[in-house]
Amino acid sequence: QVQLVESGGGLVQAGGSLRLSCAASGRTFSRYAMGWFRQAPGKEREFVAAISWGGSSTYYADSVKARFTISRDNAKNMVYLQMSSLKPEDTAVYYCAADYLSSAVGMVAGKKDYWGQGTQVTVSS
């Protein structure tokens, strides 16, 4: 069983930066690929970024590539999403997800084992 708790969301001006954190419980965290997804009002949830269970590979949505960076610290059971050059269209609830032994690209679609409750990110213009 893995529980995920996101934090770090908030209100930021366009062009600014935020770092989201996802704290995971459970002794097998290092065996889970981790991903960030987001859902804007009236839209479907979409993939943002993922990192493989071993941390050796990452994958990003085209819309955030070169602006967002995903990382993990398996010793602390943490996953991070560093977001820079934020745009109003980045406004959404951001969710952390975990999938056992998945690859980074494998996190894009399909069922996930665990989800967090989400954290709101609002980017003002």
Protein backbone atom coordinates (compact mmCIF):
# COMPACT_ATOMS: atom_id res chain seq x y z
CA GLN A 1 0.00 0.00 0.00
CA VAL A 2 1.30 3.43 -0.96
CA GLN A 3 -0.21 6.73 0.08
CA LEU A 4 0.65 9.87 -1.84
CA VAL A 5 0.35 13.42 -0.52
CA GLU A 6 1.05 16.40 -2.73
CA SER A 7 2.07 19.85 -1.55
CA GLY A 8 3.59 23.06 -2.85
CA GLY A 9 0.76 24.37 -4.97
CA GLY A 10 -0.34 27.98 -4.86
CA LEU A 11 -0.84 31.21 -6.77
CA VAL A 12 2.01 32.50 -8.92
CA GLN A 13 2.34 35.11 -11.64
CA ALA A 14 3.04 34.12 -15.21
CA GLY A 15 6.75 33.57 -15.72
CA GLY A 16 7.22 32.48 -12.13
CA SER A 17 8.24 29.16 -10.61
CA LEU A 18 6.84 26.62 -8.18
CA ARG A 19 8.07 23.30 -6.86
CA LEU A 20 5.53 20.60 -6.16
CA SER A 21 6.33 17.78 -3.79
CA CYS A 22 4.78 14.35 -3.43
CA ALA A 23 5.43 12.45 -0.22
CA ALA A 24 4.95 8.70 -0.45
CA SER A 25 4.47 6.18 2.31
CA GLY A 26 5.47 2.55 2.03
CA ARG A 27 8.68 0.58 2.03
CA THR A 28 8.62 -0.26 -1.68
CA PHE A 29 8.52 3.30 -3.00
CA SER A 30 11.69 2.79 -5.02
CA ARG A 31 9.91 0.09 -7.08
CA TYR A 32 7.26 2.54 -8.32
CA ALA A 33 7.47 4.75 -11.36
CA MET A 34 6.08 8.15 -10.42
CA GLY A 35 4.22 10.68 -12.48
CA TRP A 36 2.55 14.05 -12.36
CA PHE A 37 -0.80 14.69 -14.02
CA ARG A 38 -3.03 17.73 -14.07
CA GLN A 39 -6.66 18.57 -14.59
CA ALA A 40 -7.93 22.01 -15.50
CA PRO A 41 -11.57 23.01 -14.99
CA GLY A 42 -13.79 21.47 -17.66
CA LYS A 43 -10.95 19.40 -19.09
CA GLU A 44 -9.80 15.82 -18.79
CA ARG A 45 -6.84 14.89 -16.65
CA GLU A 46 -3.64 14.94 -18.69
CA PHE A 47 -0.13 13.59 -18.33
CA VAL A 48 2.59 16.08 -17.36
CA ALA A 49 5.80 14.24 -16.46
CA ALA A 50 7.07 10.88 -15.23
CA ILE A 51 10.18 9.27 -13.85
CA SER A 52 11.03 5.58 -13.94
CA TRP A 53 11.17 3.52 -10.77
CA GLY A 54 14.95 3.52 -10.84
CA GLY A 55 15.10 7.21 -11.68
CA SER A 56 17.21 6.70 -14.78
CA SER A 57 14.66 7.93 -17.29
CA THR A 58 12.13 10.74 -17.48
CA TYR A 59 9.39 11.66 -19.92
CA TYR A 60 7.50 14.90 -20.42
CA ALA A 61 4.44 16.16 -22.20
CA ASP A 62 5.38 18.44 -25.07
CA SER A 63 3.56 21.33 -23.41
CA VAL A 64 5.92 21.35 -20.42
CA LYS A 65 9.15 20.10 -21.94
CA ALA A 66 12.12 22.38 -21.11
CA ARG A 67 10.05 24.19 -18.46
CA PHE A 68 9.30 21.44 -15.94
CA THR A 69 11.69 18.96 -14.32
CA ILE A 70 10.68 15.82 -12.45
CA SER A 71 13.00 14.23 -9.92
CA ARG A 72 12.86 11.75 -7.08
CA ASP A 73 14.66 11.05 -3.83
CA ASN A 74 14.13 7.40 -2.97
CA ALA A 75 15.86 7.80 0.39
CA LYS A 76 13.19 10.32 1.41
CA ASN A 77 10.27 8.74 -0.48
CA MET A 78 9.75 12.01 -2.33
CA VAL A 79 9.00 13.07 -5.88
CA TYR A 80 9.30 16.64 -7.07
CA LEU A 81 8.08 18.69 -10.00
CA GLN A 82 10.04 21.88 -10.53
CA MET A 83 7.97 24.19 -12.68
CA SER A 84 9.40 27.34 -14.25
CA SER A 85 8.29 29.86 -16.86
CA LEU A 86 4.75 29.16 -15.77
CA LYS A 87 1.89 30.12 -18.05
CA PRO A 88 -1.79 30.74 -17.27
CA GLU A 89 -2.59 27.55 -19.19
CA ASP A 90 -0.63 25.60 -16.56
CA THR A 91 -3.41 26.39 -14.10
CA ALA A 92 -4.84 23.09 -12.86
CA VAL A 93 -5.04 20.65 -10.01
CA TYR A 94 -1.83 18.65 -10.08
CA TYR A 95 -1.87 14.99 -9.06
CA CYS A 96 0.91 12.60 -8.16
CA ALA A 97 0.57 8.98 -9.29
CA ALA A 98 2.47 5.74 -8.78
CA ASP A 99 2.69 2.59 -10.89
CA TYR A 100 4.64 -0.49 -9.86
CA LEU A 101 7.79 -1.18 -11.91
CA SER A 102 6.56 0.94 -14.81
CA SER A 103 8.76 2.86 -17.19
CA ALA A 104 8.56 6.61 -17.48
CA VAL A 105 6.85 6.49 -20.87
CA GLY A 106 4.56 3.78 -19.53
CA MET A 107 3.11 6.29 -17.10
CA VAL A 108 1.50 8.31 -19.89
CA ALA A 109 -1.58 6.15 -20.21
CA GLY A 110 -3.34 3.29 -18.50
CA LYS A 111 -4.43 2.57 -14.99
CA LYS A 112 -2.24 3.73 -12.12
CA ASP A 113 -1.83 1.88 -8.85
CA TYR A 114 -2.13 4.94 -6.60
CA TRP A 115 -3.14 8.60 -6.80
CA GLY A 116 -2.72 11.53 -4.49
CA GLN A 117 -5.46 13.98 -3.60
CA GLY A 118 -4.09 16.83 -5.71
CA THR A 119 -2.74 20.33 -5.17
CA GLN A 120 -4.01 23.47 -6.89
CA VAL A 121 -1.69 25.53 -9.05
CA THR A 122 -2.99 28.87 -10.28
CA VAL A 123 -0.98 31.03 -12.67
CA SER A 124 -2.19 34.59 -13.08
CA SER A 125 -1.55 36.61 -16.22
